[in-house]
């Protein structure tokens, strides 16, 4: 019996040691239902919003230029800043929708030739409250429950409010910071009474649930989201095709922010 137990234990240890470690996965991926062609090269896209990914997939899979140049489309949906930094820093996607500061921080525009081909508008950052206009002084903000985004790269939801609080001499010891995963979650927390103030942008649909009288400007002209295409070759057919895809997504997206998009430069330019 002892020999049997020892053999079983040795076998378990060997199997355990030979099993590859599986890294934690924070992303999800979408692909065309069937391959576009026998081409082994896939068109890689990195996005951070599922709604945009779901709209982009059929448009990209059905695009004649994409079908001609690639064998499939892989859309990765990132869940946090780590995902975004990892993909952009290594130049993985051919097409991505991110903030310009992420691309510039890693020099991805120079290293991987990421060109901005479309841009959504800049916006302002605000403190938003439910029953009064927030004041930007230490005495008022002391003890307040403030909701911000759990994304260090977000200017309106993280960078700007933390900078303002630091300038006022406020930190975790004298205020209560609550972290959320999206601007929609921030609004839900404010309406539910979980926090007293949130830091966010002011959207066109906010008038229906909040009052413009109860917002306080923190910073104007926060850079908006931009579409970047890896233009390592003079692939002008692809540039033109993708700008049309972006225009279609913008025209039909449920969020009003994405309706306003500027297509940058002549799509036939190198």
C-alpha atoms as a PDB file:
ATOM      1  CA  UNK A   1       0.000   0.000   0.000  1.00  0.00           C
ATOM      2  CA  UNK A   2       2.833   2.374   0.882  1.00  0.00           C
ATOM      3  CA  UNK A   3       4.488   1.712  -2.484  1.00  0.00           C
ATOM      4  CA  UNK A   4       1.197   2.399  -4.278  1.00  0.00           C
ATOM      5  CA  UNK A   5       0.722   5.722  -2.455  1.00  0.00           C
ATOM      6  CA  UNK A   6       4.302   6.788  -3.210  1.00  0.00           C
ATOM      7  CA  UNK A   7       3.932   5.969  -6.917  1.00  0.00           C
ATOM      8  CA  UNK A   8       0.655   7.872  -7.097  1.00  0.00           C
ATOM      9  CA  UNK A   9       2.238  10.867  -5.395  1.00  0.00           C
ATOM     10  CA  UNK A  10       5.225  10.866  -7.773  1.00  0.00           C
ATOM     11  CA  UNK A  11       2.887  10.651 -10.769  1.00  0.00           C
ATOM     12  CA  UNK A  12       0.826  13.570  -9.488  1.00  0.00           C
ATOM     13  CA  UNK A  13       3.931  15.718  -8.971  1.00  0.00           C
ATOM     14  CA  UNK A  14       5.220  14.924 -12.465  1.00  0.00           C
ATOM     15  CA  UNK A  15       1.879  15.780 -14.071  1.00  0.00           C
ATOM     16  CA  UNK A  16       1.632  18.977 -12.036  1.00  0.00           C
ATOM     17  CA  UNK A  17       5.115  20.095 -13.005  1.00  0.00           C
ATOM     18  CA  UNK A  18       4.552  19.344 -16.697  1.00  0.00           C
ATOM     19  CA  UNK A  19       1.284  21.275 -16.880  1.00  0.00           C
ATOM     20  CA  UNK A  20       1.877  24.699 -18.444  1.00  0.00           C
ATOM     21  CA  UNK A  21       0.916  27.718 -16.374  1.00  0.00           C
ATOM     22  CA  UNK A  22      -2.127  29.482 -17.771  1.00  0.00           C
ATOM     23  CA  UNK A  23      -1.820  33.256 -17.459  1.00  0.00           C
ATOM     24  CA  UNK A  24      -4.915  35.153 -16.343  1.00  0.00           C
ATOM     25  CA  UNK A  25      -7.005  36.314 -19.296  1.00  0.00           C
ATOM     26  CA  UNK A  26      -8.683  39.724 -19.065  1.00  0.00           C
ATOM     27  CA  UNK A  27      -9.525  40.129 -22.733  1.00  0.00           C
ATOM     28  CA  UNK A  28     -12.156  38.551 -24.965  1.00  0.00           C
ATOM     29  CA  UNK A  29     -11.942  38.005 -28.713  1.00  0.00           C
ATOM     30  CA  UNK A  30     -14.273  38.027 -31.700  1.00  0.00           C
ATOM     31  CA  UNK A  31     -13.545  36.601 -35.158  1.00  0.00           C
ATOM     32  CA  UNK A  32     -15.394  36.098 -38.440  1.00  0.00           C
ATOM     33  CA  UNK A  33     -17.671  33.042 -38.466  1.00  0.00           C
ATOM     34  CA  UNK A  34     -15.712  31.515 -41.333  1.00  0.00           C
ATOM     35  CA  UNK A  35     -12.255  32.338 -42.748  1.00  0.00           C
ATOM     36  CA  UNK A  36     -12.255  35.033 -45.407  1.00  0.00           C
ATOM     37  CA  UNK A  37      -9.675  33.222 -47.535  1.00  0.00           C
ATOM     38  CA  UNK A  38      -6.727  30.876 -47.351  1.00  0.00           C
ATOM     39  CA  UNK A  39      -4.504  33.798 -46.349  1.00  0.00           C
ATOM     40  CA  UNK A  40      -2.892  32.990 -42.989  1.00  0.00           C
ATOM     41  CA  UNK A  41      -2.542  36.647 -41.992  1.00  0.00           C
ATOM     42  CA  UNK A  42      -5.327  38.012 -39.775  1.00  0.00           C
ATOM     43  CA  UNK A  43      -6.433  41.630 -39.452  1.00  0.00           C
ATOM     44  CA  UNK A  44      -6.025  42.383 -35.734  1.00  0.00           C
ATOM     45  CA  UNK A  45      -8.154  45.029 -34.040  1.00  0.00           C
ATOM     46  CA  UNK A  46      -7.965  46.236 -30.419  1.00  0.00           C
ATOM     47  CA  UNK A  47     -10.986  47.953 -28.835  1.00  0.00           C
ATOM     48  CA  UNK A  48     -12.135  48.657 -25.291  1.00  0.00           C
ATOM     49  CA  UNK A  49     -15.922  48.782 -25.796  1.00  0.00           C
ATOM     50  CA  UNK A  50     -17.914  45.647 -26.565  1.00  0.00           C
ATOM     51  CA  UNK A  51     -20.632  47.644 -28.348  1.00  0.00           C
ATOM     52  CA  UNK A  52     -18.149  48.988 -30.895  1.00  0.00           C
ATOM     53  CA  UNK A  53     -16.534  45.568 -31.335  1.00  0.00           C
ATOM     54  CA  UNK A  54     -19.892  43.933 -32.051  1.00  0.00           C
ATOM     55  CA  UNK A  55     -20.706  46.568 -34.665  1.00  0.00           C
ATOM     56  CA  UNK A  56     -17.241  46.471 -36.222  1.00  0.00           C
ATOM     57  CA  UNK A  57     -17.018  42.691 -36.689  1.00  0.00           C
ATOM     58  CA  UNK A  58     -19.656  42.193 -39.425  1.00  0.00           C
ATOM     59  CA  UNK A  59     -18.567  45.382 -41.201  1.00  0.00           C
ATOM     60  CA  UNK A  60     -14.929  44.285 -41.286  1.00  0.00           C
ATOM     61  CA  UNK A  61     -15.690  40.652 -42.169  1.00  0.00           C
ATOM     62  CA  UNK A  62     -17.926  41.814 -45.033  1.00  0.00           C
ATOM     63  CA  UNK A  63     -15.542  44.453 -46.370  1.00  0.00           C
ATOM     64  CA  UNK A  64     -14.163  43.609 -49.830  1.00  0.00           C
ATOM     65  CA  UNK A  65     -10.740  45.146 -49.177  1.00  0.00           C
ATOM     66  CA  UNK A  66     -10.318  43.297 -45.880  1.00  0.00           C
ATOM     67  CA  UNK A  67     -11.440  40.074 -47.548  1.00  0.00           C
ATOM     68  CA  UNK A  68      -8.897  40.560 -50.320  1.00  0.00           C
ATOM     69  CA  UNK A  69      -5.949  41.328 -48.061  1.00  0.00           C
ATOM     70  CA  UNK A  70      -6.534  39.107 -44.996  1.00  0.00           C
ATOM     71  CA  UNK A  71      -7.709  35.619 -44.090  1.00  0.00           C
ATOM     72  CA  UNK A  72      -9.662  36.567 -40.966  1.00  0.00           C
ATOM     73  CA  UNK A  73     -10.479  39.386 -38.558  1.00  0.00           C
ATOM     74  CA  UNK A  74      -9.581  39.129 -34.873  1.00  0.00           C
ATOM     75  CA  UNK A  75     -11.046  41.771 -32.566  1.00  0.00           C
ATOM     76  CA  UNK A  76      -9.646  41.845 -29.034  1.00  0.00           C
ATOM     77  CA  UNK A  77     -11.746  43.608 -26.380  1.00  0.00           C
ATOM     78  CA  UNK A  78      -9.548  44.941 -23.586  1.00  0.00           C
ATOM     79  CA  UNK A  79     -10.863  45.260 -20.045  1.00  0.00           C
ATOM     80  CA  UNK A  80      -8.340  47.546 -18.364  1.00  0.00           C
ATOM     81  CA  UNK A  81      -5.326  49.783 -18.860  1.00  0.00           C
ATOM     82  CA  UNK A  82      -2.915  46.860 -18.591  1.00  0.00           C
ATOM     83  CA  UNK A  83      -4.518  45.270 -21.662  1.00  0.00           C
ATOM     84  CA  UNK A  84      -4.321  48.539 -23.604  1.00  0.00           C
ATOM     85  CA  UNK A  85      -0.713  49.243 -22.695  1.00  0.00           C
ATOM     86  CA  UNK A  86       0.334  45.675 -23.500  1.00  0.00           C
ATOM     87  CA  UNK A  87      -1.255  45.615 -26.968  1.00  0.00           C
ATOM     88  CA  UNK A  88      -0.237  49.118 -28.054  1.00  0.00           C
ATOM     89  CA  UNK A  89       3.290  48.883 -26.628  1.00  0.00           C
ATOM     90  CA  UNK A  90       3.930  45.755 -28.709  1.00  0.00           C
ATOM     91  CA  UNK A  91       2.192  47.065 -31.838  1.00  0.00           C
ATOM     92  CA  UNK A  92      -0.188  44.092 -32.007  1.00  0.00           C
ATOM     93  CA  UNK A  93      -3.295  45.594 -33.669  1.00  0.00           C
ATOM     94  CA  UNK A  94      -3.509  46.930 -37.203  1.00  0.00           C
ATOM     95  CA  UNK A  95      -6.482  49.038 -36.117  1.00  0.00           C
ATOM     96  CA  UNK A  96      -7.273  50.426 -32.659  1.00  0.00           C
ATOM     97  CA  UNK A  97      -9.479  52.991 -30.926  1.00  0.00           C
ATOM     98  CA  UNK A  98      -7.627  54.566 -27.983  1.00  0.00           C
ATOM     99  CA  UNK A  99      -6.626  57.899 -26.474  1.00  0.00           C
ATOM    100  CA  UNK A 100      -3.750  59.682 -28.201  1.00  0.00           C
ATOM    101  CA  UNK A 101      -1.730  59.829 -24.978  1.00  0.00           C
ATOM    102  CA  UNK A 102      -1.464  56.018 -24.976  1.00  0.00           C
ATOM    103  CA  UNK A 103      -0.001  55.918 -28.506  1.00  0.00           C
ATOM    104  CA  UNK A 104       2.359  58.830 -27.835  1.00  0.00           C
ATOM    105  CA  UNK A 105       3.515  57.454 -24.474  1.00  0.00           C
ATOM    106  CA  UNK A 106       5.015  54.381 -26.136  1.00  0.00           C
ATOM    107  CA  UNK A 107       6.125  56.161 -29.320  1.00  0.00           C
ATOM    108  CA  UNK A 108       3.873  53.729 -31.200  1.00  0.00           C
ATOM    109  CA  UNK A 109       3.251  56.322 -33.898  1.00  0.00           C
ATOM    110  CA  UNK A 110       6.978  56.352 -34.681  1.00  0.00           C
ATOM    111  CA  UNK A 111       7.858  52.703 -34.027  1.00  0.00           C
ATOM    112  CA  UNK A 112       4.839  51.010 -35.622  1.00  0.00           C
ATOM    113  CA  UNK A 113       3.674  53.866 -37.891  1.00  0.00           C
ATOM    114  CA  UNK A 114       0.264  54.242 -36.248  1.00  0.00           C
ATOM    115  CA  UNK A 115      -1.545  57.004 -38.154  1.00  0.00           C
ATOM    116  CA  UNK A 116      -4.706  58.589 -36.747  1.00  0.00           C
ATOM    117  CA  UNK A 117      -7.361  58.181 -39.412  1.00  0.00           C
ATOM    118  CA  UNK A 118     -10.414  59.359 -37.447  1.00  0.00           C
ATOM    119  CA  UNK A 119     -11.087  61.263 -34.235  1.00  0.00           C
ATOM    120  CA  UNK A 120     -14.023  61.685 -31.903  1.00  0.00           C
ATOM    121  CA  UNK A 121     -14.396  65.119 -30.291  1.00  0.00           C
ATOM    122  CA  UNK A 122     -12.527  66.447 -27.289  1.00  0.00           C
ATOM    123  CA  UNK A 123     -14.616  67.022 -24.191  1.00  0.00           C
ATOM    124  CA  UNK A 124     -14.521  68.578 -20.716  1.00  0.00           C
ATOM    125  CA  UNK A 125     -14.115  66.972 -17.299  1.00  0.00           C
ATOM    126  CA  UNK A 126     -16.523  67.806 -14.470  1.00  0.00           C
ATOM    127  CA  UNK A 127     -17.376  67.091 -10.873  1.00  0.00           C
ATOM    128  CA  UNK A 128     -21.056  66.117 -11.003  1.00  0.00           C
ATOM    129  CA  UNK A 129     -23.395  65.981  -7.999  1.00  0.00           C
ATOM    130  CA  UNK A 130     -27.049  65.159  -7.542  1.00  0.00           C
ATOM    131  CA  UNK A 131     -28.430  67.928  -5.296  1.00  0.00           C
ATOM    132  CA  UNK A 132     -25.938  70.834  -5.342  1.00  0.00           C
ATOM    133  CA  UNK A 133     -23.113  72.370  -7.363  1.00  0.00           C
ATOM    134  CA  UNK A 134     -19.763  70.981  -6.145  1.00  0.00           C
ATOM    135  CA  UNK A 135     -17.241  73.529  -4.875  1.00  0.00           C
ATOM    136  CA  UNK A 136     -13.524  73.231  -5.509  1.00  0.00           C
ATOM    137  CA  UNK A 137     -12.166  73.898  -2.047  1.00  0.00           C
ATOM    138  CA  UNK A 138     -10.744  71.675   0.648  1.00  0.00           C
ATOM    139  CA  UNK A 139     -13.335  72.484   3.279  1.00  0.00           C
ATOM    140  CA  UNK A 140     -16.227  71.518   1.013  1.00  0.00           C
ATOM    141  CA  UNK A 141     -14.690  68.293  -0.255  1.00  0.00           C
ATOM    142  CA  UNK A 142     -13.477  66.998   3.138  1.00  0.00           C
ATOM    143  CA  UNK A 143     -15.256  63.747   3.944  1.00  0.00           C
ATOM    144  CA  UNK A 144     -17.071  63.612   0.605  1.00  0.00           C
ATOM    145  CA  UNK A 145     -17.543  60.263  -1.141  1.00  0.00           C
ATOM    146  CA  UNK A 146     -16.121  60.762  -4.629  1.00  0.00           C
ATOM    147  CA  UNK A 147     -16.537  58.292  -7.483  1.00  0.00           C
ATOM    148  CA  UNK A 148     -13.771  57.990 -10.074  1.00  0.00           C
ATOM    149  CA  UNK A 149     -12.782  55.459 -12.729  1.00  0.00           C
ATOM    150  CA  UNK A 150     -10.487  52.522 -12.008  1.00  0.00           C
ATOM    151  CA  UNK A 151      -8.513  53.382 -15.174  1.00  0.00           C
ATOM    152  CA  UNK A 152      -5.331  55.425 -14.565  1.00  0.00           C
ATOM    153  CA  UNK A 153      -5.238  56.541 -18.241  1.00  0.00           C
ATOM    154  CA  UNK A 154      -8.713  58.136 -18.160  1.00  0.00           C
ATOM    155  CA  UNK A 155      -8.348  61.901 -17.910  1.00  0.00           C
ATOM    156  CA  UNK A 156     -11.918  62.895 -17.037  1.00  0.00           C
ATOM    157  CA  UNK A 157     -12.517  59.909 -14.753  1.00  0.00           C
ATOM    158  CA  UNK A 158      -9.131  59.503 -13.039  1.00  0.00           C
ATOM    159  CA  UNK A 159      -6.182  61.771 -13.909  1.00  0.00           C
ATOM    160  CA  UNK A 160      -7.946  65.158 -13.700  1.00  0.00           C
ATOM    161  CA  UNK A 161      -9.883  64.552 -10.440  1.00  0.00           C
ATOM    162  CA  UNK A 162      -6.854  63.068  -8.675  1.00  0.00           C
ATOM    163  CA  UNK A 163      -4.734  66.037  -9.790  1.00  0.00           C
ATOM    164  CA  UNK A 164      -7.321  68.519  -8.501  1.00  0.00           C
ATOM    165  CA  UNK A 165      -7.635  66.719  -5.166  1.00  0.00           C
ATOM    166  CA  UNK A 166      -3.865  66.583  -4.753  1.00  0.00           C
ATOM    167  CA  UNK A 167      -3.576  70.312  -5.439  1.00  0.00           C
ATOM    168  CA  UNK A 168      -6.151  70.939  -2.695  1.00  0.00           C
ATOM    169  CA  UNK A 169      -4.218  68.813  -0.225  1.00  0.00           C
ATOM    170  CA  UNK A 170      -6.759  66.001  -0.228  1.00  0.00           C
ATOM    171  CA  UNK A 171      -5.967  62.294  -0.223  1.00  0.00           C
ATOM    172  CA  UNK A 172      -7.312  58.927   0.925  1.00  0.00           C
ATOM    173  CA  UNK A 173      -6.963  59.957   4.569  1.00  0.00           C
ATOM    174  CA  UNK A 174      -9.488  62.809   4.428  1.00  0.00           C
ATOM    175  CA  UNK A 175     -11.776  61.879   1.526  1.00  0.00           C
ATOM    176  CA  UNK A 176     -13.357  58.627   0.390  1.00  0.00           C
ATOM    177  CA  UNK A 177     -12.575  57.538  -3.165  1.00  0.00           C
ATOM    178  CA  UNK A 178     -14.770  54.869  -4.774  1.00  0.00           C
ATOM    179  CA  UNK A 179     -13.591  53.207  -7.999  1.00  0.00           C
ATOM    180  CA  UNK A 180     -15.877  52.123 -10.850  1.00  0.00           C
ATOM    181  CA  UNK A 181     -15.346  50.422 -14.201  1.00  0.00           C
ATOM    182  CA  UNK A 182     -17.222  52.785 -16.519  1.00  0.00           C
ATOM    183  CA  UNK A 183     -18.804  56.219 -16.782  1.00  0.00           C
ATOM    184  CA  UNK A 184     -22.190  54.505 -16.787  1.00  0.00           C
ATOM    185  CA  UNK A 185     -21.366  52.841 -13.457  1.00  0.00           C
ATOM    186  CA  UNK A 186     -20.353  56.227 -12.071  1.00  0.00           C
ATOM    187  CA  UNK A 187     -23.747  57.680 -12.945  1.00  0.00           C
ATOM    188  CA  UNK A 188     -25.542  54.685 -11.474  1.00  0.00           C
ATOM    189  CA  UNK A 189     -23.594  55.056  -8.218  1.00  0.00           C
ATOM    190  CA  UNK A 190     -24.440  58.774  -8.002  1.00  0.00           C
ATOM    191  CA  UNK A 191     -28.143  58.179  -8.620  1.00  0.00           C
ATOM    192  CA  UNK A 192     -28.176  55.328  -6.100  1.00  0.00           C
ATOM    193  CA  UNK A 193     -26.617  57.498  -3.390  1.00  0.00           C
ATOM    194  CA  UNK A 194     -23.424  55.446  -3.141  1.00  0.00           C
ATOM    195  CA  UNK A 195     -21.296  58.557  -3.707  1.00  0.00           C
ATOM    196  CA  UNK A 196     -21.762  62.309  -3.318  1.00  0.00           C
ATOM    197  CA  UNK A 197     -19.792  63.377  -6.391  1.00  0.00           C
ATOM    198  CA  UNK A 198     -18.480  61.716  -9.551  1.00  0.00           C
ATOM    199  CA  UNK A 199     -15.822  62.855 -11.992  1.00  0.00           C
ATOM    200  CA  UNK A 200     -16.820  62.412 -15.629  1.00  0.00           C
ATOM    201  CA  UNK A 201     -17.725  64.160 -18.876  1.00  0.00           C
ATOM    202  CA  UNK A 202     -21.142  65.727 -19.512  1.00  0.00           C
ATOM    203  CA  UNK A 203     -23.021  63.782 -22.188  1.00  0.00           C
ATOM    204  CA  UNK A 204     -26.000  64.859 -24.243  1.00  0.00           C
ATOM    205  CA  UNK A 205     -28.217  62.298 -22.527  1.00  0.00           C
ATOM    206  CA  UNK A 206     -27.297  63.456 -19.029  1.00  0.00           C
ATOM    207  CA  UNK A 207     -29.932  66.221 -19.021  1.00  0.00           C
ATOM    208  CA  UNK A 208     -32.576  63.507 -18.663  1.00  0.00           C
ATOM    209  CA  UNK A 209     -31.194  62.172 -15.351  1.00  0.00           C
ATOM    210  CA  UNK A 210     -28.972  64.952 -13.945  1.00  0.00           C
ATOM    211  CA  UNK A 211     -28.935  68.743 -13.678  1.00  0.00           C
ATOM    212  CA  UNK A 212     -26.432  70.923 -15.506  1.00  0.00           C
ATOM    213  CA  UNK A 213     -26.727  73.349 -12.558  1.00  0.00           C
ATOM    214  CA  UNK A 214     -24.929  70.773 -10.408  1.00  0.00           C
ATOM    215  CA  UNK A 215     -21.725  70.343 -12.418  1.00  0.00           C
ATOM    216  CA  UNK A 216     -18.372  72.062 -11.874  1.00  0.00           C
ATOM    217  CA  UNK A 217     -15.745  72.257 -14.598  1.00  0.00           C
ATOM    218  CA  UNK A 218     -12.362  70.669 -13.847  1.00  0.00           C
ATOM    219  CA  UNK A 219     -10.647  70.844 -17.247  1.00  0.00           C
ATOM    220  CA  UNK A 220     -11.592  71.819 -20.775  1.00  0.00           C
ATOM    221  CA  UNK A 221     -10.465  70.105 -23.987  1.00  0.00           C
ATOM    222  CA  UNK A 222      -9.754  66.604 -22.704  1.00  0.00           C
ATOM    223  CA  UNK A 223      -8.501  64.622 -25.760  1.00  0.00           C
ATOM    224  CA  UNK A 224     -11.146  62.356 -27.274  1.00  0.00           C
ATOM    225  CA  UNK A 225     -10.824  58.815 -28.608  1.00  0.00           C
ATOM    226  CA  UNK A 226      -8.935  58.318 -31.885  1.00  0.00           C
ATOM    227  CA  UNK A 227      -8.805  55.542 -34.454  1.00  0.00           C
ATOM    228  CA  UNK A 228      -5.262  54.511 -35.395  1.00  0.00           C
ATOM    229  CA  UNK A 229      -4.228  52.373 -38.360  1.00  0.00           C
ATOM    230  CA  UNK A 230      -0.796  50.779 -38.668  1.00  0.00           C
ATOM    231  CA  UNK A 231       0.425  52.235 -41.976  1.00  0.00           C
ATOM    232  CA  UNK A 232       3.769  50.507 -42.433  1.00  0.00           C
ATOM    233  CA  UNK A 233       3.054  50.356 -46.178  1.00  0.00           C
ATOM    234  CA  UNK A 234       1.213  52.653 -48.592  1.00  0.00           C
ATOM    235  CA  UNK A 235      -1.977  50.622 -48.138  1.00  0.00           C
ATOM    236  CA  UNK A 236      -4.371  53.354 -49.211  1.00  0.00           C
ATOM    237  CA  UNK A 237      -7.152  50.909 -50.202  1.00  0.00           C
ATOM    238  CA  UNK A 238      -7.291  49.682 -46.620  1.00  0.00           C
ATOM    239  CA  UNK A 239      -7.221  53.199 -45.188  1.00  0.00           C
ATOM    240  CA  UNK A 240     -10.191  54.253 -47.318  1.00  0.00           C
ATOM    241  CA  UNK A 241     -12.130  51.069 -46.523  1.00  0.00           C
ATOM    242  CA  UNK A 242     -11.612  51.451 -42.776  1.00  0.00           C
ATOM    243  CA  UNK A 243     -12.650  55.079 -42.761  1.00  0.00           C
ATOM    244  CA  UNK A 244     -15.946  53.990 -44.317  1.00  0.00           C
ATOM    245  CA  UNK A 245     -16.336  51.297 -41.639  1.00  0.00           C
ATOM    246  CA  UNK A 246     -15.675  53.886 -38.919  1.00  0.00           C
ATOM    247  CA  UNK A 247     -18.227  56.256 -40.444  1.00  0.00           C
ATOM    248  CA  UNK A 248     -20.838  53.467 -40.475  1.00  0.00           C
ATOM    249  CA  UNK A 249     -20.155  52.603 -36.825  1.00  0.00           C
ATOM    250  CA  UNK A 250     -20.382  56.243 -35.777  1.00  0.00           C
ATOM    251  CA  UNK A 251     -23.660  56.800 -37.611  1.00  0.00           C
ATOM    252  CA  UNK A 252     -25.340  53.855 -35.903  1.00  0.00           C
ATOM    253  CA  UNK A 253     -23.773  53.675 -32.436  1.00  0.00           C
ATOM    254  CA  UNK A 254     -26.252  54.130 -29.558  1.00  0.00           C
ATOM    255  CA  UNK A 255     -23.949  56.521 -27.642  1.00  0.00           C
ATOM    256  CA  UNK A 256     -24.242  60.080 -28.929  1.00  0.00           C
ATOM    257  CA  UNK A 257     -20.568  60.785 -28.271  1.00  0.00           C
ATOM    258  CA  UNK A 258     -19.515  58.418 -31.062  1.00  0.00           C
ATOM    259  CA  UNK A 259     -21.886  60.009 -33.591  1.00  0.00           C
ATOM    260  CA  UNK A 260     -19.492  62.930 -34.006  1.00  0.00           C
ATOM    261  CA  UNK A 261     -16.388  61.735 -35.853  1.00  0.00           C
ATOM    262  CA  UNK A 262     -13.839  63.508 -38.026  1.00  0.00           C
ATOM    263  CA  UNK A 263     -12.168  61.469 -40.766  1.00  0.00           C
ATOM    264  CA  UNK A 264      -8.595  62.693 -40.803  1.00  0.00           C
ATOM    265  CA  UNK A 265      -6.858  63.495 -44.081  1.00  0.00           C
ATOM    266  CA  UNK A 266      -7.501  62.286 -47.587  1.00  0.00           C
ATOM    267  CA  UNK A 267      -7.938  58.522 -47.432  1.00  0.00           C
ATOM    268  CA  UNK A 268      -5.849  58.188 -50.590  1.00  0.00           C
ATOM    269  CA  UNK A 269      -2.891  59.977 -49.011  1.00  0.00           C
ATOM    270  CA  UNK A 270       0.194  57.896 -48.234  1.00  0.00           C
END
